[in-house]
Amino acid sequence: EEFIPYIEGRIDLIHIEGTATENVSERVYFDCYLIKDNI
């Protein structure tokens, strides 16, 4: 919220984390960020 590139709209981002099932059977812990570089 105080990160200048985010405030100025130069980037957007979303974060997701948690437990998940991978390839139908494998249990994993997954954490990811997707950052859009608007420049």
PDB file of all heavy atoms in Angstrom:
ATOM      1  N   GLU A   1       0.820  -1.214   0.000  1.00  0.00           N
ATOM      2  CA  GLU A   1       0.000   0.000   0.000  1.00  0.00           C
ATOM      3  C   GLU A   1       0.853   1.262   0.000  1.00  0.00           C
ATOM      4  O   GLU A   1       0.387   2.317  -0.408  1.00  0.00           O
ATOM      5  CB  GLU A   1      -0.954  -0.014   1.188  1.00  0.00           C
ATOM      6  CG  GLU A   1      -2.031  -1.069   1.054  1.00  0.00           C
ATOM      7  CD  GLU A   1      -2.884  -1.220   2.291  1.00  0.00           C
ATOM      8  OE1 GLU A   1      -2.685  -0.463   3.272  1.00  0.00           O
ATOM      9  OE2 GLU A   1      -3.757  -2.104   2.286  1.00  0.00           O
ATOM     10  N   GLU A   2       2.097   1.157   0.463  1.00  0.00           N
ATOM     11  CA  GLU A   2       3.001   2.306   0.485  1.00  0.00           C
ATOM     12  C   GLU A   2       4.155   2.165  -0.515  1.00  0.00           C
ATOM     13  O   GLU A   2       5.081   2.957  -0.495  1.00  0.00           O
ATOM     14  CB  GLU A   2       3.538   2.513   1.901  1.00  0.00           C
ATOM     15  CG  GLU A   2       2.444   2.840   2.899  1.00  0.00           C
ATOM     16  CD  GLU A   2       2.957   3.031   4.303  1.00  0.00           C
ATOM     17  OE1 GLU A   2       4.174   3.203   4.482  1.00  0.00           O
ATOM     18  OE2 GLU A   2       2.132   2.999   5.219  1.00  0.00           O
ATOM     19  N   PHE A   3       4.099   1.164  -1.372  1.00  0.00           N
ATOM     20  CA  PHE A   3       5.141   0.908  -2.359  1.00  0.00           C
ATOM     21  C   PHE A   3       4.904   1.837  -3.540  1.00  0.00           C
ATOM     22  O   PHE A   3       3.878   1.746  -4.230  1.00  0.00           O
ATOM     23  CB  PHE A   3       5.088  -0.567  -2.771  1.00  0.00           C
ATOM     24  CG  PHE A   3       6.222  -1.031  -3.637  1.00  0.00           C
ATOM     25  CD1 PHE A   3       7.543  -0.819  -3.271  1.00  0.00           C
ATOM     26  CD2 PHE A   3       5.965  -1.719  -4.811  1.00  0.00           C
ATOM     27  CE1 PHE A   3       8.596  -1.274  -4.077  1.00  0.00           C
ATOM     28  CE2 PHE A   3       7.001  -2.184  -5.607  1.00  0.00           C
ATOM     29  CZ  PHE A   3       8.316  -1.946  -5.239  1.00  0.00           C
ATOM     30  N   ILE A   4       5.814   2.766  -3.777  1.00  0.00           N
ATOM     31  CA  ILE A   4       5.629   3.832  -4.765  1.00  0.00           C
ATOM     32  C   ILE A   4       5.230   3.309  -6.148  1.00  0.00           C
ATOM     33  O   ILE A   4       4.258   3.810  -6.739  1.00  0.00           O
ATOM     34  CB  ILE A   4       6.881   4.744  -4.856  1.00  0.00           C
ATOM     35  CG1 ILE A   4       7.186   5.372  -3.497  1.00  0.00           C
ATOM     36  CG2 ILE A   4       6.733   5.798  -5.942  1.00  0.00           C
ATOM     37  CD1 ILE A   4       6.125   6.304  -2.969  1.00  0.00           C
ATOM     38  N   PRO A   5       5.914   2.301  -6.723  1.00  0.00           N
ATOM     39  CA  PRO A   5       5.488   1.824  -8.055  1.00  0.00           C
ATOM     40  C   PRO A   5       4.034   1.327  -8.074  1.00  0.00           C
ATOM     41  O   PRO A   5       3.334   1.488  -9.066  1.00  0.00           O
ATOM     42  CB  PRO A   5       6.469   0.689  -8.359  1.00  0.00           C
ATOM     43  CG  PRO A   5       7.689   1.040  -7.575  1.00  0.00           C
ATOM     44  CD  PRO A   5       7.160   1.650  -6.299  1.00  0.00           C
ATOM     45  N   TYR A   6       3.580   0.752  -6.956  1.00  0.00           N
ATOM     46  CA  TYR A   6       2.194   0.275  -6.869  1.00  0.00           C
ATOM     47  C   TYR A   6       1.238   1.464  -6.767  1.00  0.00           C
ATOM     48  O   TYR A   6       0.227   1.526  -7.464  1.00  0.00           O
ATOM     49  CB  TYR A   6       2.041  -0.663  -5.666  1.00  0.00           C
ATOM     50  CG  TYR A   6       0.648  -1.213  -5.487  1.00  0.00           C
ATOM     51  CD1 TYR A   6       0.146  -2.178  -6.352  1.00  0.00           C
ATOM     52  CD2 TYR A   6      -0.174  -0.768  -4.455  1.00  0.00           C
ATOM     53  CE1 TYR A   6      -1.135  -2.680  -6.203  1.00  0.00           C
ATOM     54  CE2 TYR A   6      -1.446  -1.266  -4.291  1.00  0.00           C
ATOM     55  CZ  TYR A   6      -1.921  -2.224  -5.159  1.00  0.00           C
ATOM     56  OH  TYR A   6      -3.188  -2.723  -5.013  1.00  0.00           O
ATOM     57  N   ILE A   7       1.569   2.428  -5.922  1.00  0.00           N
ATOM     58  CA  ILE A   7       0.732   3.620  -5.743  1.00  0.00           C
ATOM     59  C   ILE A   7       0.591   4.378  -7.062  1.00  0.00           C
ATOM     60  O   ILE A   7      -0.494   4.839  -7.420  1.00  0.00           O
ATOM     61  CB  ILE A   7       1.326   4.549  -4.651  1.00  0.00           C
ATOM     62  CG1 ILE A   7       1.243   3.873  -3.285  1.00  0.00           C
ATOM     63  CG2 ILE A   7       0.606   5.892  -4.626  1.00  0.00           C
ATOM     64  CD1 ILE A   7       2.034   4.587  -2.202  1.00  0.00           C
ATOM     65  N   GLU A   8       1.690   4.492  -7.803  1.00  0.00           N
ATOM     66  CA  GLU A   8       1.688   5.251  -9.059  1.00  0.00           C
ATOM     67  C   GLU A   8       1.123   4.459 -10.235  1.00  0.00           C
ATOM     68  O   GLU A   8       1.026   4.979 -11.343  1.00  0.00           O
ATOM     69  CB  GLU A   8       3.110   5.712  -9.384  1.00  0.00           C
ATOM     70  CG  GLU A   8       3.636   6.729  -8.387  1.00  0.00           C
ATOM     71  CD  GLU A   8       5.070   7.149  -8.668  1.00  0.00           C
ATOM     72  OE1 GLU A   8       5.747   6.490  -9.496  1.00  0.00           O
ATOM     73  OE2 GLU A   8       5.506   8.131  -8.059  1.00  0.00           O
ATOM     74  N   GLY A   9       0.772   3.200 -10.021  1.00  0.00           N
ATOM     75  CA  GLY A   9       0.182   2.401 -11.089  1.00  0.00           C
ATOM     76  C   GLY A   9       1.183   1.811 -12.059  1.00  0.00           C
ATOM     77  O   GLY A   9       0.802   1.331 -13.124  1.00  0.00           O
ATOM     78  N   ARG A  10       2.479   1.840 -11.713  1.00  0.00           N
ATOM     79  CA  ARG A  10       3.480   1.248 -12.603  1.00  0.00           C
ATOM     80  C   ARG A  10       3.458  -0.276 -12.528  1.00  0.00           C
ATOM     81  O   ARG A  10       3.882  -0.946 -13.465  1.00  0.00           O
ATOM     82  CB  ARG A  10       4.875   1.795 -12.279  1.00  0.00           C
ATOM     83  CG  ARG A  10       5.003   3.271 -12.671  1.00  0.00           C
ATOM     84  CD  ARG A  10       6.393   3.794 -12.426  1.00  0.00           C
ATOM     85  NE  ARG A  10       6.534   4.168 -11.033  1.00  0.00           N
ATOM     86  CZ  ARG A  10       7.673   4.150 -10.357  1.00  0.00           C
ATOM     87  NH1 ARG A  10       8.786   3.758 -10.936  1.00  0.00           N
ATOM     88  NH2 ARG A  10       7.722   4.514  -9.089  1.00  0.00           N
ATOM     89  N   ILE A  11       2.991  -0.792 -11.399  1.00  0.00           N
ATOM     90  CA  ILE A  11       2.801  -2.238 -11.268  1.00  0.00           C
ATOM     91  C   ILE A  11       1.449  -2.502 -10.611  1.00  0.00           C
ATOM     92  O   ILE A  11       0.913  -1.657  -9.902  1.00  0.00           O
ATOM     93  CB  ILE A  11       3.915  -2.925 -10.429  1.00  0.00           C
ATOM     94  CG1 ILE A  11       3.879  -2.459  -8.973  1.00  0.00           C
ATOM     95  CG2 ILE A  11       5.272  -2.765 -11.048  1.00  0.00           C
ATOM     96  CD1 ILE A  11       4.641  -3.343  -8.018  1.00  0.00           C
ATOM     97  N   ASP A  12       0.926  -3.691 -10.858  1.00  0.00           N
ATOM     98  CA  ASP A  12      -0.219  -4.247 -10.140  1.00  0.00           C
ATOM     99  C   ASP A  12       0.227  -5.626  -9.694  1.00  0.00           C
ATOM    100  O   ASP A  12       1.072  -6.252 -10.343  1.00  0.00           O
ATOM    101  CB  ASP A  12      -1.440  -4.372 -11.047  1.00  0.00           C
ATOM    102  CG  ASP A  12      -2.048  -3.028 -11.385  1.00  0.00           C
ATOM    103  OD1 ASP A  12      -2.260  -2.230 -10.446  1.00  0.00           O
ATOM    104  OD2 ASP A  12      -2.301  -2.778 -12.583  1.00  0.00           O
ATOM    105  N   LEU A  13      -0.338  -6.109  -8.606  1.00  0.00           N
ATOM    106  CA  LEU A  13       0.061  -7.447  -8.180  1.00  0.00           C
ATOM    107  C   LEU A  13      -1.030  -8.127  -7.397  1.00  0.00           C
ATOM    108  O   LEU A  13      -1.920  -7.490  -6.843  1.00  0.00           O
ATOM    109  CB  LEU A  13       1.353  -7.409  -7.380  1.00  0.00           C
ATOM    110  CG  LEU A  13       1.376  -6.659  -6.069  1.00  0.00           C
ATOM    111  CD1 LEU A  13       1.305  -7.617  -4.916  1.00  0.00           C
ATOM    112  CD2 LEU A  13       2.667  -5.875  -5.991  1.00  0.00           C
ATOM    113  N   ILE A  14      -0.949  -9.443  -7.393  1.00  0.00           N
ATOM    114  CA  ILE A  14      -1.846 -10.283  -6.618  1.00  0.00           C
ATOM    115  C   ILE A  14      -1.028 -11.437  -6.055  1.00  0.00           C
ATOM    116  O   ILE A  14      -0.044 -11.880  -6.667  1.00  0.00           O
ATOM    117  CB  ILE A  14      -3.034 -10.778  -7.484  1.00  0.00           C
ATOM    118  CG1 ILE A  14      -4.070 -11.461  -6.586  1.00  0.00           C
ATOM    119  CG2 ILE A  14      -2.559 -11.675  -8.594  1.00  0.00           C
ATOM    120  CD1 ILE A  14      -5.401 -11.678  -7.295  1.00  0.00           C
ATOM    121  N   HIS A  15      -1.430 -11.908  -4.896  1.00  0.00           N
ATOM    122  CA  HIS A  15      -0.710 -12.950  -4.169  1.00  0.00           C
ATOM    123  C   HIS A  15      -1.694 -14.048  -3.794  1.00  0.00           C
ATOM    124  O   HIS A  15      -2.833 -13.766  -3.428  1.00  0.00           O
ATOM    125  CB  HIS A  15      -0.100 -12.321  -2.905  1.00  0.00           C
ATOM    126  CG  HIS A  15       0.424 -13.297  -1.920  1.00  0.00           C
ATOM    127  ND1 HIS A  15      -0.062 -13.395  -0.640  1.00  0.00           N
ATOM    128  CD2 HIS A  15       1.405 -14.214  -2.008  1.00  0.00           C
ATOM    129  CE1 HIS A  15       0.599 -14.327   0.018  1.00  0.00           C
ATOM    130  NE2 HIS A  15       1.489 -14.838  -0.799  1.00  0.00           N
ATOM    131  N   ILE A  16      -1.263 -15.286  -3.913  1.00  0.00           N
ATOM    132  CA  ILE A  16      -2.068 -16.413  -3.447  1.00  0.00           C
ATOM    133  C   ILE A  16      -1.139 -17.402  -2.761  1.00  0.00           C
ATOM    134  O   ILE A  16      -0.013 -17.634  -3.211  1.00  0.00           O
ATOM    135  CB  ILE A  16      -2.850 -17.084  -4.602  1.00  0.00           C
ATOM    136  CG1 ILE A  16      -3.766 -18.195  -4.067  1.00  0.00           C
ATOM    137  CG2 ILE A  16      -1.925 -17.621  -5.670  1.00  0.00           C
ATOM    138  CD1 ILE A  16      -4.749 -18.730  -5.085  1.00  0.00           C
ATOM    139  N   GLU A  17      -1.603 -17.951  -1.657  1.00  0.00           N
ATOM    140  CA  GLU A  17      -0.828 -18.999  -0.990  1.00  0.00           C
ATOM    141  C   GLU A  17      -1.760 -19.949  -0.273  1.00  0.00           C
ATOM    142  O   GLU A  17      -2.852 -19.568   0.137  1.00  0.00           O
ATOM    143  CB  GLU A  17       0.190 -18.420  -0.015  1.00  0.00           C
ATOM    144  CG  GLU A  17      -0.375 -17.915   1.286  1.00  0.00           C
ATOM    145  CD  GLU A  17       0.700 -17.532   2.283  1.00  0.00           C
ATOM    146  OE1 GLU A  17       1.427 -18.424   2.745  1.00  0.00           O
ATOM    147  OE2 GLU A  17       0.781 -16.335   2.595  1.00  0.00           O
ATOM    148  N   GLY A  18      -1.310 -21.179  -0.161  1.00  0.00           N
ATOM    149  CA  GLY A  18      -2.084 -22.173   0.562  1.00  0.00           C
ATOM    150  C   GLY A  18      -1.731 -23.575   0.131  1.00  0.00           C
ATOM    151  O   GLY A  18      -0.834 -23.796  -0.677  1.00  0.00           O
ATOM    152  N   THR A  19      -2.468 -24.518   0.686  1.00  0.00           N
ATOM    153  CA  THR A  19      -2.272 -25.910   0.319  1.00  0.00           C
ATOM    154  C   THR A  19      -3.090 -26.201  -0.934  1.00  0.00           C
ATOM    155  O   THR A  19      -4.142 -25.604  -1.164  1.00  0.00           O
ATOM    156  CB  THR A  19      -2.693 -26.855   1.463  1.00  0.00           C
ATOM    157  OG1 THR A  19      -4.030 -26.542   1.855  1.00  0.00           O
ATOM    158  CG2 THR A  19      -1.769 -26.718   2.651  1.00  0.00           C
ATOM    159  N   ALA A  20      -2.561 -27.100  -1.751  1.00  0.00           N
ATOM    160  CA  ALA A  20      -3.216 -27.396  -3.022  1.00  0.00           C
ATOM    161  C   ALA A  20      -2.917 -28.832  -3.436  1.00  0.00           C
ATOM    162  O   ALA A  20      -2.027 -29.485  -2.887  1.00  0.00           O
ATOM    163  CB  ALA A  20      -2.718 -26.434  -4.101  1.00  0.00           C
ATOM    164  N   THR A  21      -3.676 -29.280  -4.413  1.00  0.00           N
ATOM    165  CA  THR A  21      -3.422 -30.578  -5.034  1.00  0.00           C
ATOM    166  C   THR A  21      -2.849 -30.302  -6.417  1.00  0.00           C
ATOM    167  O   THR A  21      -3.393 -29.514  -7.181  1.00  0.00           O
ATOM    168  CB  THR A  21      -4.721 -31.407  -5.142  1.00  0.00           C
ATOM    169  OG1 THR A  21      -5.260 -31.571  -3.836  1.00  0.00           O
ATOM    170  CG2 THR A  21      -4.444 -32.754  -5.756  1.00  0.00           C
ATOM    171  N   GLU A  22      -1.721 -30.946  -6.707  1.00  0.00           N
ATOM    172  CA  GLU A  22      -1.026 -30.775  -7.976  1.00  0.00           C
ATOM    173  C   GLU A  22      -1.139 -32.064  -8.777  1.00  0.00           C
ATOM    174  O   GLU A  22      -0.920 -33.149  -8.234  1.00  0.00           O
ATOM    175  CB  GLU A  22       0.441 -30.435  -7.689  1.00  0.00           C
ATOM    176  CG  GLU A  22       1.296 -30.193  -8.895  1.00  0.00           C
ATOM    177  CD  GLU A  22       2.736 -29.890  -8.496  1.00  0.00           C
ATOM    178  OE1 GLU A  22       3.335 -30.688  -7.748  1.00  0.00           O
ATOM    179  OE2 GLU A  22       3.245 -28.854  -8.925  1.00  0.00           O
ATOM    180  N   ASN A  23      -1.474 -31.931 -10.042  1.00  0.00           N
ATOM    181  CA  ASN A  23      -1.599 -33.100 -10.920  1.00  0.00           C
ATOM    182  C   ASN A  23      -2.534 -34.158 -10.347  1.00  0.00           C
ATOM    183  O   ASN A  23      -2.236 -35.351 -10.368  1.00  0.00           O
ATOM    184  CB  ASN A  23      -0.234 -33.722 -11.216  1.00  0.00           C
ATOM    185  CG  ASN A  23       0.626 -32.833 -12.059  1.00  0.00           C
ATOM    186  OD1 ASN A  23       0.141 -32.143 -12.945  1.00  0.00           O
ATOM    187  ND2 ASN A  23       1.908 -32.805 -11.753  1.00  0.00           N
ATOM    188  N   VAL A  24      -3.617 -33.735  -9.768  1.00  0.00           N
ATOM    189  CA  VAL A  24      -4.697 -34.565  -9.240  1.00  0.00           C
ATOM    190  C   VAL A  24      -4.343 -35.331  -7.969  1.00  0.00           C
ATOM    191  O   VAL A  24      -5.213 -35.661  -7.190  1.00  0.00           O
ATOM    192  CB  VAL A  24      -5.225 -35.551 -10.320  1.00  0.00           C
ATOM    193  CG1 VAL A  24      -6.408 -36.350  -9.812  1.00  0.00           C
ATOM    194  CG2 VAL A  24      -5.608 -34.820 -11.583  1.00  0.00           C
ATOM    195  N   SER A  25      -3.068 -35.588  -7.690  1.00  0.00           N
ATOM    196  CA  SER A  25      -2.761 -36.463  -6.563  1.00  0.00           C
ATOM    197  C   SER A  25      -1.742 -35.936  -5.558  1.00  0.00           C
ATOM    198  O   SER A  25      -1.764 -36.346  -4.402  1.00  0.00           O
ATOM    199  CB  SER A  25      -2.274 -37.811  -7.086  1.00  0.00           C
ATOM    200  OG  SER A  25      -1.085 -37.637  -7.822  1.00  0.00           O
ATOM    201  N   GLU A  26      -0.837 -35.071  -5.967  1.00  0.00           N
ATOM    202  CA  GLU A  26       0.239 -34.669  -5.057  1.00  0.00           C
ATOM    203  C   GLU A  26      -0.151 -33.443  -4.231  1.00  0.00           C
ATOM    204  O   GLU A  26      -0.581 -32.433  -4.766  1.00  0.00           O
ATOM    205  CB  GLU A  26       1.523 -34.368  -5.840  1.00  0.00           C
ATOM    206  CG  GLU A  26       2.701 -34.169  -4.919  1.00  0.00           C
ATOM    207  CD  GLU A  26       4.029 -34.143  -5.664  1.00  0.00           C
ATOM    208  OE1 GLU A  26       4.035 -34.329  -6.890  1.00  0.00           O
ATOM    209  OE2 GLU A  26       5.039 -33.935  -4.999  1.00  0.00           O
ATOM    210  N   ARG A  27       0.017 -33.543  -2.916  1.00  0.00           N
ATOM    211  CA  ARG A  27      -0.312 -32.437  -2.020  1.00  0.00           C
ATOM    212  C   ARG A  27       0.914 -31.533  -1.891  1.00  0.00           C
ATOM    213  O   ARG A  27       2.026 -32.001  -1.647  1.00  0.00           O
ATOM    214  CB  ARG A  27      -0.706 -32.973  -0.632  1.00  0.00           C
ATOM    215  CG  ARG A  27      -1.921 -33.855  -0.666  1.00  0.00           C
ATOM    216  CD  ARG A  27      -3.190 -33.102  -0.991  1.00  0.00           C
ATOM    217  NE  ARG A  27      -3.483 -32.170   0.091  1.00  0.00           N
ATOM    218  CZ  ARG A  27      -4.142 -31.030  -0.050  1.00  0.00           C
ATOM    219  NH1 ARG A  27      -4.589 -30.658  -1.218  1.00  0.00           N
ATOM    220  NH2 ARG A  27      -4.357 -30.253   0.981  1.00  0.00           N
ATOM    221  N   VAL A  28       0.716 -30.226  -2.063  1.00  0.00           N
ATOM    222  CA  VAL A  28       1.822 -29.263  -2.025  1.00  0.00           C
ATOM    223  C   VAL A  28       1.406 -28.011  -1.259  1.00  0.00           C
ATOM    224  O   VAL A  28       0.213 -27.753  -1.063  1.00  0.00           O
ATOM    225  CB  VAL A  28       2.275 -28.852  -3.448  1.00  0.00           C
ATOM    226  CG1 VAL A  28       2.812 -30.044  -4.216  1.00  0.00           C
ATOM    227  CG2 VAL A  28       1.166 -28.168  -4.217  1.00  0.00           C
ATOM    228  N   TYR A  29       2.430 -27.255  -0.860  1.00  0.00           N
ATOM    229  CA  TYR A  29       2.203 -25.913  -0.344  1.00  0.00           C
ATOM    230  C   TYR A  29       2.696 -24.967  -1.423  1.00  0.00           C
ATOM    231  O   TYR A  29       3.835 -25.070  -1.871  1.00  0.00           O
ATOM    232  CB  TYR A  29       2.953 -25.672   0.968  1.00  0.00           C
ATOM    233  CG  TYR A  29       2.502 -24.386   1.616  1.00  0.00           C
ATOM    234  CD1 TYR A  29       1.365 -24.365   2.417  1.00  0.00           C
ATOM    235  CD2 TYR A  29       3.159 -23.187   1.384  1.00  0.00           C
ATOM    236  CE1 TYR A  29       0.904 -23.182   2.980  1.00  0.00           C
ATOM    237  CE2 TYR A  29       2.712 -21.999   1.936  1.00  0.00           C
ATOM    238  CZ  TYR A  29       1.582 -22.007   2.735  1.00  0.00           C
ATOM    239  OH  TYR A  29       1.130 -20.832   3.271  1.00  0.00           O
ATOM    240  N   PHE A  30       1.839 -24.069  -1.865  1.00  0.00           N
ATOM    241  CA  PHE A  30       2.157 -23.216  -3.006  1.00  0.00           C
ATOM    242  C   PHE A  30       1.949 -21.755  -2.628  1.00  0.00           C
ATOM    243  O   PHE A  30       0.946 -21.392  -2.025  1.00  0.00           O
ATOM    244  CB  PHE A  30       1.265 -23.590  -4.190  1.00  0.00           C
ATOM    245  CG  PHE A  30       1.755 -23.097  -5.509  1.00  0.00           C
ATOM    246  CD1 PHE A  30       2.689 -23.816  -6.230  1.00  0.00           C
ATOM    247  CD2 PHE A  30       1.291 -21.910  -6.041  1.00  0.00           C
ATOM    248  CE1 PHE A  30       3.149 -23.361  -7.455  1.00  0.00           C
ATOM    249  CE2 PHE A  30       1.736 -21.443  -7.269  1.00  0.00           C
ATOM    250  CZ  PHE A  30       2.675 -22.173  -7.979  1.00  0.00           C
ATOM    251  N   ASP A  31       2.911 -20.932  -2.983  1.00  0.00           N
ATOM    252  CA  ASP A  31       2.877 -19.501  -2.672  1.00  0.00           C
ATOM    253  C   ASP A  31       3.317 -18.795  -3.952  1.00  0.00           C
ATOM    254  O   ASP A  31       4.350 -19.142  -4.526  1.00  0.00           O
ATOM    255  CB  ASP A  31       3.870 -19.232  -1.542  1.00  0.00           C
ATOM    256  CG  ASP A  31       3.731 -17.867  -0.910  1.00  0.00           C
ATOM    257  OD1 ASP A  31       2.980 -17.028  -1.446  1.00  0.00           O
ATOM    258  OD2 ASP A  31       4.387 -17.632   0.116  1.00  0.00           O
ATOM    259  N   CYS A  32       2.525 -17.840  -4.437  1.00  0.00           N
ATOM    260  CA  CYS A  32       2.957 -17.147  -5.661  1.00  0.00           C
ATOM    261  C   CYS A  32       2.464 -15.711  -5.700  1.00  0.00           C
ATOM    262  O   CYS A  32       1.492 -15.345  -5.042  1.00  0.00           O
ATOM    263  CB  CYS A  32       2.530 -17.912  -6.904  1.00  0.00           C
ATOM    264  SG  CYS A  32       0.800 -17.766  -7.323  1.00  0.00           S
ATOM    265  N   TYR A  33       3.192 -14.937  -6.472  1.00  0.00           N
ATOM    266  CA  TYR A  33       2.858 -13.543  -6.745  1.00  0.00           C
ATOM    267  C   TYR A  33       2.833 -13.391  -8.262  1.00  0.00           C
ATOM    268  O   TYR A  33       3.741 -13.858  -8.946  1.00  0.00           O
ATOM    269  CB  TYR A  33       3.929 -12.606  -6.197  1.00  0.00           C
ATOM    270  CG  TYR A  33       3.946 -12.458  -4.699  1.00  0.00           C
ATOM    271  CD1 TYR A  33       4.450 -13.465  -3.881  1.00  0.00           C
ATOM    272  CD2 TYR A  33       3.476 -11.293  -4.101  1.00  0.00           C
ATOM    273  CE1 TYR A  33       4.478 -13.323  -2.512  1.00  0.00           C
ATOM    274  CE2 TYR A  33       3.516 -11.140  -2.721  1.00  0.00           C
ATOM    275  CZ  TYR A  33       4.011 -12.160  -1.929  1.00  0.00           C
ATOM    276  OH  TYR A  33       4.037 -12.011  -0.566  1.00  0.00           O
ATOM    277  N   LEU A  34       1.820 -12.710  -8.747  1.00  0.00           N
ATOM    278  CA  LEU A  34       1.786 -12.316 -10.144  1.00  0.00           C
ATOM    279  C   LEU A  34       1.847 -10.792 -10.152  1.00  0.00           C
ATOM    280  O   LEU A  34       0.981 -10.123  -9.593  1.00  0.00           O
ATOM    281  CB  LEU A  34       0.516 -12.803 -10.846  1.00  0.00           C
ATOM    282  CG  LEU A  34       0.418 -12.425 -12.320  1.00  0.00           C
ATOM    283  CD1 LEU A  34       1.537 -13.086 -13.140  1.00  0.00           C
ATOM    284  CD2 LEU A  34      -0.948 -12.797 -12.886  1.00  0.00           C
ATOM    285  N   ILE A  35       2.904 -10.273 -10.775  1.00  0.00           N
ATOM    286  CA  ILE A  35       3.135  -8.829 -10.807  1.00  0.00           C
ATOM    287  C   ILE A  35       3.023  -8.368 -12.249  1.00  0.00           C
ATOM    288  O   ILE A  35       3.711  -8.891 -13.132  1.00  0.00           O
ATOM    289  CB  ILE A  35       4.528  -8.485 -10.249  1.00  0.00           C
ATOM    290  CG1 ILE A  35       4.675  -9.025  -8.831  1.00  0.00           C
ATOM    291  CG2 ILE A  35       4.755  -6.969 -10.284  1.00  0.00           C
ATOM    292  CD1 ILE A  35       6.088  -8.993  -8.294  1.00  0.00           C
ATOM    293  N   LYS A  36       2.153  -7.410 -12.499  1.00  0.00           N
ATOM    294  CA  LYS A  36       2.030  -6.853 -13.854  1.00  0.00           C
ATOM    295  C   LYS A  36       2.888  -5.604 -13.932  1.00  0.00           C
ATOM    296  O   LYS A  36       2.736  -4.672 -13.153  1.00  0.00           O
ATOM    297  CB  LYS A  36       0.586  -6.502 -14.177  1.00  0.00           C
ATOM    298  CG  LYS A  36       0.501  -5.842 -15.547  1.00  0.00           C
ATOM    299  CD  LYS A  36      -0.674  -6.275 -16.347  1.00  0.00           C
ATOM    300  CE  LYS A  36      -0.543  -5.785 -17.774  1.00  0.00           C
ATOM    301  NZ  LYS A  36      -1.633  -4.954 -18.190  1.00  0.00           N
ATOM    302  N   ASP A  37       3.817  -5.615 -14.859  1.00  0.00           N
ATOM    303  CA  ASP A  37       4.681  -4.468 -15.141  1.00  0.00           C
ATOM    304  C   ASP A  37       3.952  -3.620 -16.187  1.00  0.00           C
ATOM    305  O   ASP A  37       3.953  -3.944 -17.364  1.00  0.00           O
ATOM    306  CB  ASP A  37       6.029  -5.002 -15.661  1.00  0.00           C
ATOM    307  CG  ASP A  37       6.950  -3.904 -16.168  1.00  0.00           C
ATOM    308  OD1 ASP A  37       6.535  -2.734 -16.236  1.00  0.00           O
ATOM    309  OD2 ASP A  37       8.097  -4.237 -16.520  1.00  0.00           O
ATOM    310  N   ASN A  38       3.281  -2.570 -15.734  1.00  0.00           N
ATOM    311  CA  ASN A  38       2.490  -1.735 -16.634  1.00  0.00           C
ATOM    312  C   ASN A  38       3.344  -0.863 -17.542  1.00  0.00           C
ATOM    313  O   ASN A  38       2.865  -0.386 -18.564  1.00  0.00           O
ATOM    314  CB  ASN A  38       1.525  -0.863 -15.828  1.00  0.00           C
ATOM    315  CG  ASN A  38       0.462  -1.699 -15.143  1.00  0.00           C
ATOM    316  OD1 ASN A  38      -0.069  -2.644 -15.716  1.00  0.00           O
ATOM    317  ND2 ASN A  38       0.164  -1.369 -13.894  1.00  0.00           N
ATOM    318  N   ILE A  39       4.616  -0.663 -17.198  1.00  0.00           N
ATOM    319  CA  ILE A  39       5.524   0.126 -18.033  1.00  0.00           C
ATOM    320  C   ILE A  39       5.875  -0.648 -19.306  1.00  0.00           C
ATOM    321  O   ILE A  39       5.864  -0.111 -20.405  1.00  0.00           O
ATOM    322  CB  ILE A  39       6.832   0.466 -17.269  1.00  0.00           C
ATOM    323  CG1 ILE A  39       6.524   1.195 -15.966  1.00  0.00           C
ATOM    324  CG2 ILE A  39       7.797   1.232 -18.153  1.00  0.00           C
ATOM    325  CD1 ILE A  39       6.090   2.622 -16.110  1.00  0.00           C
TER     326      ILE A  39
END
